[in-house]
Amino acid sequence: MPNEDQVKRPLSTREIRTQLPKILKSFREQGDRALPVVVGAYKRRDAVLVQIDVYEMLLDMAETGRRLSQERLSEPTRLSSDDYLDSVRLSKPT
């Protein structure tokens, strides 16, 4: 079963092979409360196993972020001259 240490310390491929049934059982039983499991070699963090509901939520969040970014980029921005000067760090002539 994953623990908080496995979020910080990557499990080796050998550890994943032996613990995968327990990890999957934990994901099924704990749902989105299950801790992610980091996988890697030589203490590198190469990948993360997460419960499927968490993965789908992350996909939805990423898509929402992309959509909002595109909407914001497509809308013209109207700045007052004072705001424009502030944004480019120029001072107004006196």
N, C-alpha and C. Protein backbone atom coordinates (compact mmCIF):
# COMPACT_ATOMS: atom_id res chain seq x y z
N MET A 1 0.85 -1.18 0.00
CA MET A 1 0.00 0.00 0.00
C MET A 1 0.89 1.24 0.00
N PRO A 2 0.62 2.25 -0.84
CA PRO A 2 1.44 3.46 -0.90
C PRO A 2 1.40 4.21 0.43
N ASN A 3 2.52 4.83 0.73
CA ASN A 3 2.57 5.70 1.90
C ASN A 3 3.17 7.03 1.51
N GLU A 4 3.20 7.98 2.45
CA GLU A 4 3.67 9.32 2.13
C GLU A 4 5.12 9.33 1.67
N ASP A 5 5.94 8.40 2.15
CA ASP A 5 7.33 8.32 1.73
C ASP A 5 7.43 8.04 0.24
N GLN A 6 6.50 7.26 -0.32
CA GLN A 6 6.55 6.92 -1.73
C GLN A 6 6.16 8.09 -2.62
N VAL A 7 5.55 9.11 -2.05
CA VAL A 7 5.28 10.32 -2.82
C VAL A 7 6.59 11.08 -2.99
N LYS A 8 7.46 11.00 -2.01
CA LYS A 8 8.74 11.71 -2.06
C LYS A 8 9.83 10.86 -2.70
N ARG A 9 9.91 9.59 -2.33
CA ARG A 9 10.98 8.70 -2.80
C ARG A 9 10.42 7.81 -3.90
N PRO A 10 11.05 7.83 -5.08
CA PRO A 10 10.54 6.98 -6.14
C PRO A 10 10.75 5.49 -5.86
N LEU A 11 9.77 4.70 -6.25
CA LEU A 11 9.90 3.25 -6.18
C LEU A 11 10.64 2.78 -7.43
N SER A 12 11.49 1.81 -7.27
CA SER A 12 12.19 1.23 -8.41
C SER A 12 11.23 0.36 -9.21
N THR A 13 11.64 -0.01 -10.40
CA THR A 13 10.78 -0.89 -11.21
C THR A 13 10.59 -2.23 -10.51
N ARG A 14 11.61 -2.70 -9.81
CA ARG A 14 11.47 -3.95 -9.06
C ARG A 14 10.41 -3.81 -7.98
N GLU A 15 10.45 -2.69 -7.25
CA GLU A 15 9.45 -2.46 -6.19
C GLU A 15 8.05 -2.34 -6.78
N ILE A 16 7.94 -1.67 -7.91
CA ILE A 16 6.64 -1.52 -8.56
C ILE A 16 6.08 -2.89 -8.95
N ARG A 17 6.93 -3.73 -9.54
CA ARG A 17 6.46 -5.06 -9.94
C ARG A 17 5.90 -5.83 -8.75
N THR A 18 6.58 -5.76 -7.61
CA THR A 18 6.11 -6.54 -6.46
C THR A 18 4.93 -5.87 -5.76
N GLN A 19 4.86 -4.54 -5.80
CA GLN A 19 3.81 -3.84 -5.05
C GLN A 19 2.61 -3.43 -5.89
N LEU A 20 2.66 -3.63 -7.20
CA LEU A 20 1.57 -3.16 -8.06
C LEU A 20 0.20 -3.70 -7.64
N PRO A 21 0.04 -4.97 -7.32
CA PRO A 21 -1.29 -5.41 -6.88
C PRO A 21 -1.79 -4.64 -5.65
N LYS A 22 -0.91 -4.37 -4.70
CA LYS A 22 -1.31 -3.62 -3.50
C LYS A 22 -1.63 -2.17 -3.85
N ILE A 23 -0.85 -1.60 -4.74
CA ILE A 23 -1.08 -0.21 -5.15
C ILE A 23 -2.44 -0.09 -5.83
N LEU A 24 -2.73 -0.99 -6.77
CA LEU A 24 -4.02 -0.95 -7.46
C LEU A 24 -5.18 -1.18 -6.50
N LYS A 25 -5.00 -2.08 -5.54
CA LYS A 25 -6.05 -2.31 -4.54
C LYS A 25 -6.29 -1.04 -3.73
N SER A 26 -5.21 -0.36 -3.37
CA SER A 26 -5.33 0.90 -2.63
C SER A 26 -6.08 1.94 -3.46
N PHE A 27 -5.76 2.03 -4.76
CA PHE A 27 -6.46 2.97 -5.63
C PHE A 27 -7.96 2.65 -5.69
N ARG A 28 -8.30 1.37 -5.80
CA ARG A 28 -9.72 0.98 -5.85
C ARG A 28 -10.43 1.29 -4.54
N GLU A 29 -9.78 0.97 -3.42
CA GLU A 29 -10.43 1.14 -2.12
C GLU A 29 -10.48 2.60 -1.65
N GLN A 30 -9.42 3.36 -1.91
CA GLN A 30 -9.35 4.72 -1.40
C GLN A 30 -9.83 5.76 -2.40
N GLY A 31 -9.99 5.36 -3.65
CA GLY A 31 -10.46 6.31 -4.65
C GLY A 31 -9.52 7.50 -4.77
N ASP A 32 -10.11 8.68 -4.91
CA ASP A 32 -9.29 9.87 -5.12
C ASP A 32 -8.52 10.30 -3.87
N ARG A 33 -8.72 9.62 -2.75
CA ARG A 33 -7.94 9.91 -1.54
C ARG A 33 -6.62 9.14 -1.51
N ALA A 34 -6.44 8.21 -2.44
CA ALA A 34 -5.22 7.40 -2.49
C ALA A 34 -4.03 8.29 -2.85
N LEU A 35 -2.92 8.06 -2.19
CA LEU A 35 -1.72 8.83 -2.47
C LEU A 35 -1.12 8.42 -3.81
N PRO A 36 -0.55 9.38 -4.54
CA PRO A 36 0.15 9.01 -5.77
C PRO A 36 1.42 8.24 -5.43
N VAL A 37 1.90 7.47 -6.39
CA VAL A 37 3.12 6.69 -6.22
C VAL A 37 4.11 7.13 -7.28
N VAL A 38 5.30 7.54 -6.84
CA VAL A 38 6.34 8.00 -7.76
C VAL A 38 7.21 6.81 -8.15
N VAL A 39 7.54 6.74 -9.43
CA VAL A 39 8.34 5.65 -9.98
C VAL A 39 9.60 6.25 -10.59
N GLY A 40 10.72 5.57 -10.40
CA GLY A 40 11.95 6.06 -11.01
C GLY A 40 13.09 5.10 -10.84
N ALA A 41 14.18 5.43 -11.49
CA ALA A 41 15.39 4.64 -11.39
C ALA A 41 16.51 5.54 -10.86
N TYR A 42 17.35 4.97 -10.05
CA TYR A 42 18.50 5.70 -9.51
C TYR A 42 18.09 6.97 -8.78
N LYS A 43 17.02 6.87 -8.00
CA LYS A 43 16.48 7.95 -7.17
C LYS A 43 15.94 9.13 -7.98
N ARG A 44 15.79 8.96 -9.29
CA ARG A 44 15.16 9.98 -10.13
C ARG A 44 13.65 9.79 -10.07
N ARG A 45 12.93 10.87 -10.17
CA ARG A 45 11.47 10.81 -10.22
C ARG A 45 11.07 10.88 -11.68
N ASP A 46 10.70 9.72 -12.27
CA ASP A 46 10.42 9.65 -13.70
C ASP A 46 8.94 9.66 -14.06
N ALA A 47 8.10 9.13 -13.18
CA ALA A 47 6.68 9.01 -13.49
C ALA A 47 5.89 8.95 -12.19
N VAL A 48 4.59 9.12 -12.33
CA VAL A 48 3.70 9.07 -11.16
C VAL A 48 2.50 8.21 -11.50
N LEU A 49 2.15 7.30 -10.60
CA LEU A 49 0.92 6.54 -10.71
C LEU A 49 -0.12 7.23 -9.84
N VAL A 50 -1.27 7.53 -10.42
CA VAL A 50 -2.36 8.15 -9.66
C VAL A 50 -3.64 7.38 -9.94
N GLN A 51 -4.57 7.48 -9.02
CA GLN A 51 -5.87 6.85 -9.15
C GLN A 51 -6.58 7.48 -10.35
N ILE A 52 -7.38 6.73 -11.08
CA ILE A 52 -7.96 7.17 -12.34
C ILE A 52 -8.83 8.42 -12.20
N ASP A 53 -9.59 8.54 -11.11
CA ASP A 53 -10.42 9.74 -10.94
C ASP A 53 -9.54 10.99 -10.80
N VAL A 54 -8.41 10.84 -10.14
CA VAL A 54 -7.47 11.97 -10.00
C VAL A 54 -6.91 12.33 -11.37
N TYR A 55 -6.53 11.33 -12.14
CA TYR A 55 -6.01 11.57 -13.49
C TYR A 55 -7.04 12.30 -14.35
N GLU A 56 -8.28 11.85 -14.33
CA GLU A 56 -9.32 12.49 -15.13
C GLU A 56 -9.59 13.91 -14.66
N MET A 57 -9.53 14.14 -13.34
CA MET A 57 -9.70 15.49 -12.82
C MET A 57 -8.56 16.40 -13.30
N LEU A 58 -7.33 15.88 -13.29
CA LEU A 58 -6.19 16.66 -13.77
C LEU A 58 -6.33 16.99 -15.26
N LEU A 59 -6.81 16.03 -16.05
CA LEU A 59 -7.05 16.29 -17.47
C LEU A 59 -8.09 17.40 -17.65
N ASP A 60 -9.19 17.32 -16.88
CA ASP A 60 -10.23 18.34 -16.97
C ASP A 60 -9.67 19.72 -16.58
N MET A 61 -8.87 19.76 -15.52
CA MET A 61 -8.28 21.03 -15.08
C MET A 61 -7.35 21.60 -16.14
N ALA A 62 -6.55 20.74 -16.75
CA ALA A 62 -5.63 21.19 -17.80
C ALA A 62 -6.41 21.73 -18.99
N GLU A 63 -7.47 21.04 -19.39
CA GLU A 63 -8.29 21.49 -20.51
C GLU A 63 -8.97 22.82 -20.20
N THR A 64 -9.48 22.95 -18.98
CA THR A 64 -10.10 24.21 -18.58
C THR A 64 -9.08 25.34 -18.62
N GLY A 65 -7.88 25.08 -18.13
CA GLY A 65 -6.81 26.10 -18.17
C GLY A 65 -6.47 26.50 -19.59
N ARG A 66 -6.35 25.51 -20.49
CA ARG A 66 -6.06 25.82 -21.91
C ARG A 66 -7.18 26.65 -22.52
N ARG A 67 -8.43 26.25 -22.24
CA ARG A 67 -9.57 26.97 -22.81
C ARG A 67 -9.61 28.41 -22.31
N LEU A 68 -9.41 28.60 -21.01
CA LEU A 68 -9.44 29.95 -20.46
C LEU A 68 -8.30 30.79 -21.00
N SER A 69 -7.13 30.18 -21.19
CA SER A 69 -6.01 30.92 -21.77
C SER A 69 -6.32 31.35 -23.18
N GLN A 70 -6.90 30.45 -23.97
CA GLN A 70 -7.26 30.79 -25.35
C GLN A 70 -8.31 31.89 -25.39
N GLU A 71 -9.31 31.81 -24.50
CA GLU A 71 -10.35 32.84 -24.45
C GLU A 71 -9.74 34.19 -24.09
N ARG A 72 -8.85 34.17 -23.14
CA ARG A 72 -8.23 35.43 -22.70
C ARG A 72 -7.36 36.01 -23.81
N LEU A 73 -6.63 35.15 -24.53
CA LEU A 73 -5.79 35.63 -25.62
C LEU A 73 -6.61 36.17 -26.78
N SER A 74 -7.80 35.62 -26.99
CA SER A 74 -8.62 36.05 -28.12
C SER A 74 -9.40 37.34 -27.82
N GLU A 75 -9.51 37.70 -26.56
CA GLU A 75 -10.23 38.93 -26.21
C GLU A 75 -9.27 40.12 -26.28
N PRO A 76 -9.69 41.19 -26.96
CA PRO A 76 -8.82 42.36 -27.00
C PRO A 76 -8.70 42.97 -25.60
N THR A 77 -7.53 43.41 -25.28
CA THR A 77 -7.29 44.04 -23.99
C THR A 77 -7.31 45.55 -24.18
N ARG A 78 -8.10 46.20 -23.39
CA ARG A 78 -8.17 47.65 -23.46
C ARG A 78 -7.60 48.22 -22.17
N LEU A 79 -6.52 48.97 -22.33
CA LEU A 79 -5.88 49.59 -21.18
C LEU A 79 -5.99 51.10 -21.29
N SER A 80 -6.14 51.73 -20.15
CA SER A 80 -6.05 53.18 -20.15
C SER A 80 -4.59 53.54 -20.38
N SER A 81 -4.34 54.77 -20.76
CA SER A 81 -2.94 55.17 -21.00
C SER A 81 -2.12 55.03 -19.72
N ASP A 82 -2.72 55.32 -18.55
CA ASP A 82 -1.99 55.17 -17.29
C ASP A 82 -1.64 53.70 -17.04
N ASP A 83 -2.62 52.80 -17.28
CA ASP A 83 -2.36 51.37 -17.10
C ASP A 83 -1.29 50.88 -18.07
N TYR A 84 -1.35 51.37 -19.31
CA TYR A 84 -0.34 50.96 -20.29
C TYR A 84 1.05 51.40 -19.84
N LEU A 85 1.16 52.65 -19.43
CA LEU A 85 2.47 53.14 -18.99
C LEU A 85 2.96 52.35 -17.78
N ASP A 86 2.04 52.03 -16.86
CA ASP A 86 2.43 51.20 -15.71
C ASP A 86 2.90 49.83 -16.16
N SER A 87 2.24 49.26 -17.16
CA SER A 87 2.58 47.91 -17.59
C SER A 87 3.94 47.85 -18.27
N VAL A 88 4.34 48.93 -18.89
CA VAL A 88 5.66 48.95 -19.54
C VAL A 88 6.69 49.70 -18.69
N ARG A 89 6.28 50.05 -17.48
CA ARG A 89 7.16 50.68 -16.48
C ARG A 89 7.73 52.02 -16.95
N LEU A 90 6.90 52.78 -17.60
CA LEU A 90 7.31 54.13 -18.00
C LEU A 90 6.56 55.11 -17.12
N SER A 91 7.13 56.24 -16.90
CA SER A 91 6.42 57.25 -16.14
C SER A 91 5.76 58.22 -17.12
N LYS A 92 4.64 58.76 -16.68
CA LYS A 92 3.93 59.74 -17.49
C LYS A 92 4.74 61.03 -17.54
N PRO A 93 4.69 61.72 -18.68
CA PRO A 93 5.35 63.03 -18.72
C PRO A 93 4.62 63.99 -17.79
N THR A 94 5.37 64.84 -17.15
CA THR A 94 4.75 65.80 -16.23
C THR A 94 4.68 67.17 -16.79
